[in-house]
Amino acid sequence: MLRQDVEAREPLITREHLKPNELESDEGEIIFDRSSSNHPRDAGESSQRRLTYEEAVEEAGFGLFHWLLLVVCGWANASDAVEILCVSFLLPTARCDLLLSSSDMGLLTASIFLGMMVGGYMWGYLADQKGRCRILVVSLTVNGVFGGLASVAPWFWLFLLLRFISGIGVGGSIPVIFSYFSEFMPRRRRGAMISALATFWMAGNILAAGLAWLVIPRTWAHFSLGFLDFQSWRLFVVLCSVPSLTSALVFRLFMPESPKFLLEAGQEKEALHVFKVMFKLNMWGKGKSLPEFGLCINSKKRSEQEETGPHGSQRERLCCIVKKAMMPIKQMFNGSLRSRSFILLIIFYCISFGYYGLWMWFPELFKRIEDGGSPCANASLPSLLHNQSCYPVKTAVYMEGFIVAASNLPGNIFTILIMDTTGGKPLLAVSLMVSSVSVFFIYLVQTKAQSLLLSCIFSGVSVIAWNSLDVLGTELYPTQIRSSALGFFTGVGRVAAIMGNIGFGMLVDTNCAVPILLVSALLLTGGLVALLLPQTKHSELT
């Protein structure tokens, strides 16, 4: 075997000294433990070959199942992008109907991130306890239902509340979808396939921009509902909820549970069934049959870990539940996981503040440079914005948003092609630094064309950072806390996004340079800190 293949299969760290139920030792977690092959067998199973999880994934092959999985999970990822970015595209027109100031617009863009902050860890923890697929159905449904209801909210406060609840749903599906998807992937294809999944965020971005361009400027979509003047932007909000609802329906009817989760939960027969389905679809028309094998269970069954429920008074039971819910965070910030968790916390904060703080305001900034000049040049007189009519809608704003969204494509293609060669760490660090430079020059430009060009560069490069972070996040944590960890960091990112959006709303009319230059500085900080992460290329999931 080649030396690099041997190294690729080496665990990043071992778990020899771990306590049975915790990951708190300085020795860290194992990425893959083959000692589980000594799992006791029944007498009738003595001659049956038993495979570890990674070996079973390889045995199931790679093919049609994985491409179908990519489309289904990708559509869910795209639906989250549509729901998040929908607010940014309706701001230039909805601000008149809802009588919004710049500060109100900042609160509106921040509302969905506040919901995501609440939902991220909650759904992630539930996915680690109850299953990935079930939680995806619920979170996507919450996202779609409340996102659609926001379209008929006549008052700003109600619109804000419904967007917040929709954000709770989005906060669950984003971290869980990547955990779910990665647990079906063969080790050597995981990086490229997760990058391909992340590409669907661009698809959702383009879909949102395209819908805004096609729907919001149209006058035929304006009618009265008695108490409500239904403008075209409200129809746009309804259409943005459709992807989440259709995605929830597909997961409910057709998608299996993660075999890795089933194995960790001690459900060997159910996990074997999923592997058989994977093999059947991957070998469709090839006339092959799956060899008989059993599965090794790497950890104590979840049922054994939870067999003693909380007893005592209601208060004691509540304390027990809260303590149990906080356990994944305790595990993340103990032992060998501590350093990587602090590093990821900083990176998620920096990239989320920078990306969402700037991206959600792109349509508004483009609207302000319609007459030429820097994005900040025409933002010094806020009173003009209140006296300005939102109709007729200028289509150029949405066309430019569509172009910026489409500029994600080169970065996504680049990531898919090179991720499994370089690994996520160098891509994350370099892309964050280049993004920082592009944002700095957005402040310096003097023409509309220059602003659009640099915005496209920022979009194309920053997506490489997000894709790299998606790959690293799934590979740095074990199955028992993977969704919880991603949910926690998603929540941290949402705090940063809220601060970025509120900061832009407060300063965009008075001192636009401050938030733009702050974004540049934070992205640079994130890029430098990313150099401290461990390399996870071709590592095996624990």
Protein backbone atom coordinates (compact mmCIF):
# COMPACT_ATOMS: atom_id res chain seq x y z
CA MET A 1 0.00 0.00 0.00
CA LEU A 2 1.27 3.47 -0.83
CA ARG A 3 2.52 5.58 2.02
CA GLN A 4 -0.07 8.30 1.45
CA ASP A 5 -2.88 5.72 1.54
CA VAL A 6 -1.60 4.45 4.87
CA GLU A 7 -1.46 7.96 6.24
CA ALA A 8 -4.92 8.74 4.90
CA ARG A 9 -6.39 5.92 6.96
CA GLU A 10 -4.56 6.89 10.13
CA PRO A 11 -6.87 8.33 12.79
CA LEU A 12 -6.31 12.01 13.55
CA ILE A 13 -6.30 11.20 17.26
CA THR A 14 -7.10 8.20 19.40
CA ARG A 15 -9.69 7.54 22.03
CA GLU A 16 -8.00 4.85 24.10
CA HIS A 17 -8.37 6.69 27.38
CA LEU A 18 -11.89 7.99 26.97
CA LYS A 19 -14.57 7.28 29.52
CA PRO A 20 -17.43 5.23 28.10
CA ASN A 21 -19.95 8.06 27.84
CA GLU A 22 -17.79 11.13 27.38
CA LEU A 23 -15.21 12.61 25.04
CA GLU A 24 -13.28 14.62 27.59
CA SER A 25 -9.84 13.03 27.69
CA ASP A 26 -6.75 14.85 26.51
CA GLU A 27 -6.20 11.89 24.23
CA GLY A 28 -9.19 13.00 22.10
CA GLU A 29 -11.65 11.08 19.97
CA ILE A 30 -10.87 8.35 17.55
CA ILE A 31 -11.70 8.98 13.94
CA PHE A 32 -12.13 5.26 13.31
CA ASP A 33 -11.78 2.37 15.75
CA ARG A 34 -11.27 -1.08 14.25
CA SER A 35 -11.08 -2.72 17.65
CA SER A 36 -14.87 -2.92 17.54
CA SER A 37 -14.48 -5.95 15.29
CA ASN A 38 -14.22 -7.92 18.53
CA HIS A 39 -17.87 -7.24 19.23
CA PRO A 40 -19.50 -10.38 20.68
CA ARG A 41 -21.39 -12.50 18.21
CA ASP A 42 -24.19 -14.99 18.50
CA ALA A 43 -23.36 -18.60 17.76
CA GLY A 44 -25.21 -18.44 14.44
CA GLU A 45 -23.14 -15.43 13.40
CA SER A 46 -19.73 -16.94 14.04
CA SER A 47 -19.01 -17.42 10.36
CA GLN A 48 -20.55 -14.12 9.23
CA ARG A 49 -18.23 -11.35 8.15
CA ARG A 50 -18.65 -8.19 10.24
CA LEU A 51 -17.79 -4.77 8.83
CA THR A 52 -17.14 -1.44 10.44
CA TYR A 53 -19.24 1.53 9.37
CA GLU A 54 -16.64 2.88 6.90
CA GLU A 55 -16.13 -0.57 5.39
CA ALA A 56 -19.90 -1.02 4.98
CA VAL A 57 -20.14 2.35 3.21
CA GLU A 58 -17.41 1.22 0.80
CA GLU A 59 -19.16 -2.15 0.32
CA ALA A 60 -22.39 -0.38 -0.66
CA GLY A 61 -20.56 1.32 -3.52
CA PHE A 62 -20.94 4.78 -4.98
CA GLY A 63 -23.43 5.69 -7.66
CA LEU A 64 -27.09 6.47 -8.29
CA PHE A 65 -28.10 6.55 -4.61
CA HIS A 66 -25.50 9.18 -3.80
CA TRP A 67 -26.45 11.37 -6.75
CA LEU A 68 -30.12 11.19 -5.80
CA LEU A 69 -29.15 11.98 -2.20
CA LEU A 70 -27.18 14.98 -3.45
CA VAL A 71 -30.20 16.33 -5.32
CA VAL A 72 -32.59 15.87 -2.38
CA CYS A 73 -30.23 17.30 0.25
CA GLY A 74 -29.14 20.00 -2.19
CA TRP A 75 -32.73 21.12 -2.69
CA ALA A 76 -33.11 21.37 1.11
CA ASN A 77 -29.92 23.44 1.30
CA ALA A 78 -31.15 25.65 -1.54
CA SER A 79 -34.49 26.15 0.21
CA ASP A 80 -32.70 27.50 3.28
CA ALA A 81 -30.74 29.92 1.11
CA VAL A 82 -33.94 31.14 -0.55
CA GLU A 83 -35.64 31.73 2.80
CA ILE A 84 -32.66 33.61 4.26
CA LEU A 85 -31.94 35.79 1.23
CA CYS A 86 -35.56 36.52 0.42
CA VAL A 87 -35.61 39.43 2.92
CA SER A 88 -32.63 41.17 1.32
CA PHE A 89 -34.38 41.27 -2.07
CA LEU A 90 -37.68 42.62 -0.78
CA LEU A 91 -36.13 45.48 1.24
CA PRO A 92 -36.05 48.07 -1.61
CA THR A 93 -39.86 47.82 -2.03
CA ALA A 94 -41.22 46.48 1.26
CA ARG A 95 -39.70 49.40 3.15
CA CYS A 96 -42.40 51.67 1.71
CA ASP A 97 -45.36 49.38 2.44
CA LEU A 98 -44.17 48.58 5.97
CA LEU A 99 -42.82 52.12 6.59
CA LEU A 100 -39.31 50.95 7.45
CA SER A 101 -36.34 53.07 8.46
CA SER A 102 -32.79 51.82 7.87
CA SER A 103 -32.70 50.61 11.49
CA ASP A 104 -35.96 48.73 10.95
CA MET A 105 -34.49 47.09 7.86
CA GLY A 106 -31.50 46.04 9.95
CA LEU A 107 -33.85 44.43 12.50
CA LEU A 108 -35.77 42.68 9.73
CA THR A 109 -32.68 41.14 8.18
CA ALA A 110 -31.47 40.20 11.67
CA SER A 111 -34.76 38.54 12.69
CA ILE A 112 -34.26 35.34 10.71
CA PHE A 113 -30.72 35.03 12.09
CA LEU A 114 -32.04 35.41 15.63
CA GLY A 115 -34.39 32.51 14.91
CA MET A 116 -31.52 30.49 13.44
CA MET A 117 -29.49 31.15 16.57
CA VAL A 118 -32.30 29.74 18.72
CA GLY A 119 -33.01 26.81 16.41
CA GLY A 120 -29.46 25.83 15.48
CA TYR A 121 -28.39 24.10 18.67
CA MET A 122 -31.89 22.94 19.62
CA TRP A 123 -32.49 21.07 16.35
CA GLY A 124 -28.88 19.86 16.23
CA TYR A 125 -29.16 18.32 19.68
CA LEU A 126 -32.48 16.69 18.81
CA ALA A 127 -30.99 15.30 15.60
CA ASP A 128 -28.21 13.65 17.62
CA GLN A 129 -30.83 12.12 19.94
CA LYS A 130 -33.85 11.36 17.74
CA GLY A 131 -32.44 11.00 14.24
CA ARG A 132 -31.40 13.26 11.36
CA CYS A 133 -34.24 12.61 8.92
CA ARG A 134 -37.08 13.15 11.38
CA ILE A 135 -35.69 16.49 12.54
CA LEU A 136 -35.13 17.64 8.96
CA VAL A 137 -38.81 17.09 8.17
CA VAL A 138 -39.94 19.14 11.17
CA SER A 139 -37.46 22.00 10.75
CA LEU A 140 -38.10 22.37 7.00
CA THR A 141 -41.85 22.42 7.66
CA VAL A 142 -41.50 25.15 10.28
CA ASN A 143 -39.36 27.11 7.85
CA GLY A 144 -41.82 26.88 4.97
CA VAL A 145 -45.10 27.35 6.86
CA PHE A 146 -44.11 30.45 8.84
CA GLY A 147 -42.15 31.89 5.93
CA GLY A 148 -45.28 31.68 3.79
CA LEU A 149 -47.53 33.14 6.52
CA ALA A 150 -45.28 36.22 6.67
CA SER A 151 -46.56 37.19 3.22
CA VAL A 152 -49.95 38.23 4.64
CA ALA A 153 -48.65 40.06 7.73
CA PRO A 154 -50.06 43.62 7.55
CA TRP A 155 -47.83 45.05 10.28
CA PHE A 156 -44.08 45.23 10.63
CA TRP A 157 -44.00 43.64 14.10
CA LEU A 158 -46.00 40.61 12.91
CA PHE A 159 -43.85 40.24 9.79
CA LEU A 160 -40.79 40.39 12.05
CA LEU A 161 -42.19 37.70 14.40
CA LEU A 162 -43.07 35.29 11.57
CA ARG A 163 -39.64 35.72 9.99
CA PHE A 164 -38.10 34.94 13.39
CA ILE A 165 -40.08 31.68 13.70
CA SER A 166 -39.19 30.78 10.12
CA GLY A 167 -35.55 31.32 11.10
CA ILE A 168 -35.90 28.75 13.90
CA GLY A 169 -36.69 26.18 11.20
CA VAL A 170 -33.81 27.29 8.97
CA GLY A 171 -31.44 27.08 11.93
CA GLY A 172 -32.21 23.38 12.29
CA SER A 173 -32.00 22.22 8.71
CA ILE A 174 -28.66 23.82 7.82
CA PRO A 175 -26.41 21.95 10.33
CA VAL A 176 -28.42 18.73 10.25
CA ILE A 177 -28.43 18.42 6.46
CA PHE A 178 -24.64 18.36 6.30
CA SER A 179 -24.37 15.79 9.11
CA TYR A 180 -26.99 13.61 7.42
CA PHE A 181 -25.39 13.86 3.98
CA SER A 182 -21.80 13.25 5.11
CA GLU A 183 -22.77 10.04 6.92
CA PHE A 184 -23.68 8.34 3.62
CA MET A 185 -20.44 9.29 1.85
CA PRO A 186 -17.36 7.10 1.20
CA ARG A 187 -14.28 8.57 2.84
CA ARG A 188 -12.39 9.45 -0.34
CA ARG A 189 -15.34 11.17 -1.98
CA ARG A 190 -16.65 12.99 1.08
CA GLY A 191 -14.87 16.30 0.56
CA ALA A 192 -15.93 16.71 -3.08
CA MET A 193 -19.50 15.60 -2.41
CA ILE A 194 -19.97 17.94 0.57
CA SER A 195 -18.60 20.72 -1.61
CA ALA A 196 -21.14 19.76 -4.27
CA LEU A 197 -23.89 19.90 -1.63
CA ALA A 198 -22.73 23.36 -0.57
CA THR A 199 -22.99 24.43 -4.23
CA PHE A 200 -26.77 24.23 -3.92
CA TRP A 201 -26.60 27.27 -1.66
CA MET A 202 -25.60 29.14 -4.80
CA ALA A 203 -28.55 27.55 -6.60
CA GLY A 204 -30.87 28.86 -3.89
CA ASN A 205 -29.21 32.25 -4.08
CA ILE A 206 -29.72 32.38 -7.85
CA LEU A 207 -33.31 31.14 -7.47
CA ALA A 208 -34.12 33.87 -4.93
CA ALA A 209 -32.50 36.56 -7.10
CA GLY A 210 -34.22 35.27 -10.22
CA LEU A 211 -37.65 35.15 -8.55
CA ALA A 212 -37.13 38.68 -7.22
CA TRP A 213 -36.16 39.89 -10.70
CA LEU A 214 -39.18 38.20 -12.32
CA VAL A 215 -41.85 38.87 -9.68
CA ILE A 216 -41.22 42.04 -7.65
CA PRO A 217 -41.16 44.55 -10.55
CA ARG A 218 -44.45 43.18 -11.97
CA THR A 219 -47.55 45.33 -11.53
CA TRP A 220 -50.01 42.50 -12.30
CA ALA A 221 -49.17 40.89 -8.93
CA HIS A 222 -50.82 43.79 -7.08
CA PHE A 223 -54.34 43.31 -5.67
CA SER A 224 -56.34 44.03 -2.52
CA LEU A 225 -57.37 41.51 0.16
CA GLY A 226 -59.60 43.87 2.11
CA PHE A 227 -57.39 44.59 5.12
CA LEU A 228 -54.20 44.03 3.11
CA ASP A 229 -52.68 45.69 0.05
CA PHE A 230 -51.04 42.62 -1.54
CA GLN A 231 -48.03 43.93 -3.45
CA SER A 232 -45.77 41.87 -5.71
CA TRP A 233 -43.12 41.47 -3.00
CA ARG A 234 -45.64 39.53 -0.90
CA LEU A 235 -46.15 37.05 -3.74
CA PHE A 236 -42.36 36.74 -3.83
CA VAL A 237 -42.40 35.78 -0.12
CA VAL A 238 -45.02 33.06 -0.80
CA LEU A 239 -42.95 31.59 -3.64
CA CYS A 240 -39.84 31.56 -1.44
CA SER A 241 -41.59 29.21 1.03
CA VAL A 242 -42.35 26.55 -1.61
CA PRO A 243 -38.84 24.95 -1.73
CA SER A 244 -38.83 24.25 2.02
CA LEU A 245 -42.27 22.65 2.00
CA THR A 246 -41.52 20.44 -1.01
CA SER A 247 -38.20 19.41 0.53
CA ALA A 248 -39.90 18.42 3.82
CA LEU A 249 -42.39 16.31 1.85
CA VAL A 250 -39.63 14.46 -0.03
CA PHE A 251 -37.72 13.67 3.19
CA ARG A 252 -40.91 12.46 4.86
CA LEU A 253 -41.90 10.12 2.03
CA PHE A 254 -38.68 8.81 0.54
CA MET A 255 -35.50 9.35 2.54
CA PRO A 256 -33.91 6.81 4.96
CA GLU A 257 -32.32 7.57 8.31
CA SER A 258 -28.54 7.98 8.45
CA PRO A 259 -26.91 4.53 8.79
CA LYS A 260 -24.22 6.02 11.02
CA PHE A 261 -26.85 7.34 13.43
CA LEU A 262 -28.68 4.00 13.39
CA LEU A 263 -25.45 2.15 14.14
CA GLU A 264 -24.59 4.47 17.03
CA ALA A 265 -28.15 3.99 18.33
CA GLY A 266 -27.64 0.21 18.32
CA GLN A 267 -30.14 -0.39 15.47
CA GLU A 268 -27.98 -2.77 13.44
CA LYS A 269 -30.81 -4.30 11.40
CA GLU A 270 -32.12 -0.90 10.33
CA ALA A 271 -28.61 0.24 9.39
CA LEU A 272 -28.09 -2.95 7.33
CA HIS A 273 -31.35 -2.26 5.49
CA VAL A 274 -30.14 1.23 4.54
CA PHE A 275 -26.86 -0.20 3.22
CA LYS A 276 -28.84 -2.73 1.16
CA VAL A 277 -30.93 0.07 -0.36
CA MET A 278 -27.75 2.02 -1.15
CA PHE A 279 -26.18 -1.03 -2.82
CA LYS A 280 -29.33 -1.84 -4.81
CA LEU A 281 -29.53 1.66 -6.30
CA ASN A 282 -25.78 2.01 -6.84
CA MET A 283 -25.59 -1.34 -8.67
CA TRP A 284 -28.81 -0.83 -10.64
CA GLY A 285 -28.66 -2.89 -13.84
CA LYS A 286 -25.25 -4.40 -13.06
CA GLY A 287 -26.55 -7.76 -11.82
CA LYS A 288 -24.53 -7.69 -8.61
CA SER A 289 -25.71 -8.82 -5.18
CA LEU A 290 -24.62 -7.51 -1.80
CA PRO A 291 -22.56 -10.07 0.18
CA GLU A 292 -23.94 -11.02 3.58
CA PHE A 293 -22.28 -9.22 6.47
CA GLY A 294 -22.94 -7.88 9.94
CA LEU A 295 -22.00 -4.54 11.44
CA CYS A 296 -19.64 -3.67 14.29
CA ILE A 297 -21.03 -1.29 16.87
CA ASN A 298 -18.34 1.18 17.89
CA SER A 299 -19.96 2.52 21.02
CA LYS A 300 -22.48 1.55 23.65
CA LYS A 301 -25.99 1.51 22.37
CA ARG A 302 -27.78 4.77 22.85
CA SER A 303 -30.60 2.89 24.52
CA GLU A 304 -28.14 1.60 27.12
CA GLN A 305 -26.82 5.11 27.67
CA GLU A 306 -30.33 6.45 28.24
CA GLU A 307 -31.96 3.52 29.99
CA THR A 308 -32.21 5.40 33.25
CA GLY A 309 -34.47 8.37 32.76
CA PRO A 310 -34.70 11.35 35.12
CA HIS A 311 -36.60 10.74 38.35
CA GLY A 312 -37.67 12.95 41.20
CA SER A 313 -39.54 16.27 41.23
CA GLN A 314 -40.46 18.23 38.13
CA ARG A 315 -37.68 20.72 38.87
CA GLU A 316 -35.11 17.93 39.16
CA ARG A 317 -36.28 16.38 35.89
CA LEU A 318 -36.03 19.76 34.18
CA CYS A 319 -32.51 20.29 35.52
CA CYS A 320 -31.56 16.81 34.33
CA ILE A 321 -32.87 17.54 30.82
CA VAL A 322 -31.03 20.87 30.63
CA LYS A 323 -27.81 19.29 31.91
CA LYS A 324 -28.12 16.53 29.33
CA ALA A 325 -28.78 19.05 26.54
CA MET A 326 -25.66 21.00 27.50
CA MET A 327 -23.44 17.89 27.56
CA PRO A 328 -22.41 18.14 23.88
CA ILE A 329 -21.12 21.69 24.47
CA LYS A 330 -19.16 20.46 27.50
CA GLN A 331 -17.65 17.70 25.35
CA MET A 332 -16.77 20.18 22.58
CA PHE A 333 -14.77 22.41 24.92
CA ASN A 334 -12.92 19.67 26.81
CA GLY A 335 -9.87 17.60 26.05
CA SER A 336 -8.46 17.53 22.53
CA LEU A 337 -11.64 19.02 21.07
CA ARG A 338 -11.16 22.25 23.03
CA SER A 339 -8.64 23.99 20.78
CA ARG A 340 -10.44 23.23 17.51
CA SER A 341 -13.74 24.34 19.04
CA PHE A 342 -12.37 27.73 20.07
CA ILE A 343 -10.78 28.18 16.64
CA LEU A 344 -14.02 27.32 14.84
CA LEU A 345 -15.94 29.65 17.13
CA ILE A 346 -13.73 32.57 16.04
CA ILE A 347 -13.94 31.60 12.36
CA PHE A 348 -17.73 31.21 12.37
CA TYR A 349 -18.11 34.59 14.05
CA CYS A 350 -15.80 36.37 11.61
CA ILE A 351 -17.19 34.88 8.40
CA SER A 352 -20.84 35.20 9.46
CA PHE A 353 -20.50 38.84 10.53
CA GLY A 354 -18.67 39.63 7.31
CA TYR A 355 -20.63 37.60 4.79
CA TYR A 356 -24.18 38.12 6.02
CA GLY A 357 -23.54 41.65 7.27
CA LEU A 358 -22.55 42.68 3.76
CA TRP A 359 -24.52 40.23 1.58
CA MET A 360 -27.95 41.03 3.04
CA TRP A 361 -27.37 44.70 2.22
CA PHE A 362 -26.14 44.27 -1.34
CA PRO A 363 -29.54 45.05 -2.97
CA GLU A 364 -29.92 48.19 -0.86
CA LEU A 365 -26.34 49.29 -1.59
CA PHE A 366 -26.84 48.67 -5.31
CA LYS A 367 -30.00 50.77 -5.17
CA ARG A 368 -28.00 53.62 -3.62
CA ILE A 369 -25.35 53.61 -6.37
CA GLU A 370 -27.85 53.77 -9.25
CA ASP A 371 -26.62 57.30 -9.95
CA GLY A 372 -22.94 56.28 -9.77
CA GLY A 373 -20.24 56.60 -7.14
CA SER A 374 -19.25 54.59 -4.10
CA PRO A 375 -21.89 52.54 -2.26
CA CYS A 376 -21.39 54.89 0.67
CA ALA A 377 -21.34 58.12 -1.34
CA ASN A 378 -25.13 58.41 -1.57
CA ALA A 379 -25.93 57.26 1.95
CA SER A 380 -25.35 60.48 3.88
CA LEU A 381 -28.90 61.83 3.69
CA PRO A 382 -31.28 59.33 5.27
CA SER A 383 -34.22 61.72 4.96
CA LEU A 384 -34.10 61.31 1.20
CA LEU A 385 -34.85 57.62 1.54
CA HIS A 386 -38.09 58.27 3.42
CA ASN A 387 -39.28 60.74 0.80
CA GLN A 388 -38.33 58.44 -2.06
CA SER A 389 -40.97 56.31 -3.80
CA CYS A 390 -40.42 52.56 -4.07
CA TYR A 391 -42.49 52.38 -7.25
CA PRO A 392 -42.03 51.84 -10.11
CA VAL A 393 -39.51 49.19 -9.10
CA LYS A 394 -36.10 49.48 -10.77
CA THR A 395 -35.22 46.10 -12.24
CA ALA A 396 -31.48 46.91 -12.32
CA VAL A 397 -31.23 46.26 -8.57
CA TYR A 398 -32.46 42.68 -9.00
CA MET A 399 -30.45 42.07 -12.15
CA GLU A 400 -27.29 43.05 -10.27
CA GLY A 401 -28.29 40.78 -7.36
CA PHE A 402 -28.73 37.93 -9.84
CA ILE A 403 -25.27 38.55 -11.34
CA VAL A 404 -23.63 38.57 -7.90
CA ALA A 405 -25.44 35.34 -6.98
CA ALA A 406 -24.33 33.67 -10.22
CA SER A 407 -20.72 34.67 -9.52
CA ASN A 408 -20.69 31.90 -6.87
CA LEU A 409 -20.40 29.33 -9.66
CA PRO A 410 -16.61 29.52 -10.36
CA GLY A 411 -15.83 29.24 -6.63
CA ASN A 412 -18.13 26.25 -6.24
CA ILE A 413 -16.64 24.43 -9.25
CA PHE A 414 -13.12 25.14 -8.01
CA THR A 415 -13.96 23.76 -4.56
CA ILE A 416 -15.47 20.54 -5.91
CA LEU A 417 -12.43 19.88 -8.11
CA ILE A 418 -9.72 20.59 -5.54
CA MET A 419 -11.23 19.87 -2.10
CA ASP A 420 -10.14 16.21 -1.91
CA THR A 421 -6.66 17.15 -3.14
CA THR A 422 -5.82 20.01 -0.78
CA GLY A 423 -8.24 19.47 2.10
CA GLY A 424 -10.44 22.14 3.64
CA LYS A 425 -7.90 23.94 5.85
CA PRO A 426 -5.76 25.74 3.21
CA LEU A 427 -8.82 26.61 1.10
CA LEU A 428 -10.56 28.13 4.12
CA ALA A 429 -7.59 30.26 5.16
CA VAL A 430 -6.70 31.59 1.68
CA SER A 431 -10.29 32.30 0.62
CA LEU A 432 -11.00 34.30 3.79
CA MET A 433 -7.90 36.44 3.23
CA VAL A 434 -8.76 37.12 -0.42
CA SER A 435 -12.35 37.95 0.58
CA SER A 436 -10.99 40.48 3.05
CA VAL A 437 -9.03 42.26 0.31
CA SER A 438 -12.04 42.36 -2.04
CA VAL A 439 -14.27 43.93 0.65
CA PHE A 440 -11.63 46.56 1.39
CA PHE A 441 -11.63 47.65 -2.25
CA ILE A 442 -15.46 47.78 -2.35
CA TYR A 443 -15.15 50.81 -0.08
CA LEU A 444 -12.55 52.48 -2.33
CA VAL A 445 -14.30 52.13 -5.72
CA GLN A 446 -15.96 55.12 -7.37
CA THR A 447 -18.18 53.63 -10.09
CA LYS A 448 -21.15 51.31 -10.19
CA ALA A 449 -19.35 48.88 -12.52
CA GLN A 450 -16.39 48.64 -10.14
CA SER A 451 -18.69 48.00 -7.18
CA LEU A 452 -20.46 45.22 -9.07
CA LEU A 453 -17.16 43.62 -10.14
CA LEU A 454 -15.70 43.56 -6.63
CA SER A 455 -18.99 42.30 -5.20
CA CYS A 456 -18.81 39.40 -7.66
CA ILE A 457 -15.22 38.66 -6.63
CA PHE A 458 -16.25 38.68 -2.96
CA SER A 459 -19.16 36.35 -3.75
CA GLY A 460 -17.05 33.89 -5.77
CA VAL A 461 -14.21 33.70 -3.23
CA SER A 462 -16.22 33.73 0.01
CA VAL A 463 -18.24 30.72 -1.14
CA ILE A 464 -14.98 28.71 -1.16
CA ALA A 465 -14.59 29.55 2.53
CA TRP A 466 -18.13 28.41 3.32
CA ASN A 467 -17.69 25.16 1.40
CA SER A 468 -14.42 24.45 3.20
CA LEU A 469 -16.03 25.16 6.56
CA ASP A 470 -18.86 22.74 5.75
CA VAL A 471 -16.34 19.96 5.07
CA LEU A 472 -14.17 20.69 8.11
CA GLY A 473 -17.16 20.96 10.44
CA THR A 474 -18.43 17.48 9.61
CA GLU A 475 -15.01 15.83 9.92
CA LEU A 476 -13.77 17.44 13.14
CA TYR A 477 -16.45 16.00 15.46
CA PRO A 478 -17.77 12.48 16.22
CA THR A 479 -21.27 11.27 15.36
CA GLN A 480 -22.61 11.60 18.91
CA ILE A 481 -22.13 15.39 18.90
CA ARG A 482 -21.69 16.24 15.19
CA SER A 483 -25.09 17.86 14.63
CA SER A 484 -24.98 19.51 18.06
CA ALA A 485 -21.55 20.99 17.29
CA LEU A 486 -22.61 22.27 13.87
CA GLY A 487 -25.80 23.63 15.41
CA PHE A 488 -23.83 25.41 18.12
CA PHE A 489 -21.46 27.04 15.65
CA THR A 490 -24.39 27.94 13.42
CA GLY A 491 -25.88 29.71 16.42
CA VAL A 492 -22.62 31.58 17.03
CA GLY A 493 -22.62 32.59 13.38
CA ARG A 494 -26.17 33.88 13.69
CA VAL A 495 -25.21 36.08 16.63
CA ALA A 496 -22.52 37.54 14.40
CA ALA A 497 -24.97 37.93 11.50
CA ILE A 498 -27.43 39.75 13.77
CA MET A 499 -24.71 42.12 14.95
CA GLY A 500 -23.56 42.68 11.38
CA ASN A 501 -27.05 43.47 10.07
CA ILE A 502 -28.00 45.73 12.96
CA GLY A 503 -24.63 47.48 12.69
CA PHE A 504 -25.13 48.08 8.97
CA GLY A 505 -28.65 49.38 9.61
CA MET A 506 -27.42 51.87 12.21
CA LEU A 507 -24.38 53.08 10.28
CA VAL A 508 -25.27 52.79 6.60
CA ASP A 509 -26.83 56.28 6.57
CA THR A 510 -24.19 58.03 8.67
CA ASN A 511 -20.81 56.30 8.52
CA CYS A 512 -20.95 53.56 5.90
CA ALA A 513 -17.17 53.09 5.93
CA VAL A 514 -17.12 51.62 9.45
CA PRO A 515 -19.10 48.39 8.82
CA ILE A 516 -17.43 47.75 5.44
CA LEU A 517 -13.90 48.10 6.82
CA LEU A 518 -14.85 46.10 9.92
CA VAL A 519 -16.02 43.26 7.65
CA SER A 520 -12.65 43.34 5.88
CA ALA A 521 -10.75 43.17 9.18
CA LEU A 522 -12.83 40.29 10.55
CA LEU A 523 -12.45 38.21 7.40
CA LEU A 524 -8.68 38.66 7.57
CA THR A 525 -8.72 37.59 11.23
CA GLY A 526 -10.72 34.47 10.39
CA GLY A 527 -8.28 33.54 7.63
CA LEU A 528 -5.26 33.78 9.92
CA VAL A 529 -6.94 31.80 12.72
CA ALA A 530 -7.93 29.05 10.25
CA LEU A 531 -4.24 28.18 9.85
CA LEU A 532 -4.37 26.72 13.38
CA LEU A 533 -6.96 24.04 12.53
CA PRO A 534 -5.91 20.38 12.05
CA GLN A 535 -5.93 18.96 8.52
CA THR A 536 -8.78 16.48 7.98
CA LYS A 537 -8.24 15.41 4.38
CA HIS A 538 -9.51 11.84 3.82
CA SER A 539 -10.12 11.33 7.53
CA GLU A 540 -12.69 8.74 8.60
CA LEU A 541 -15.85 9.67 10.46
CA THR A 542 -16.03 8.45 14.03
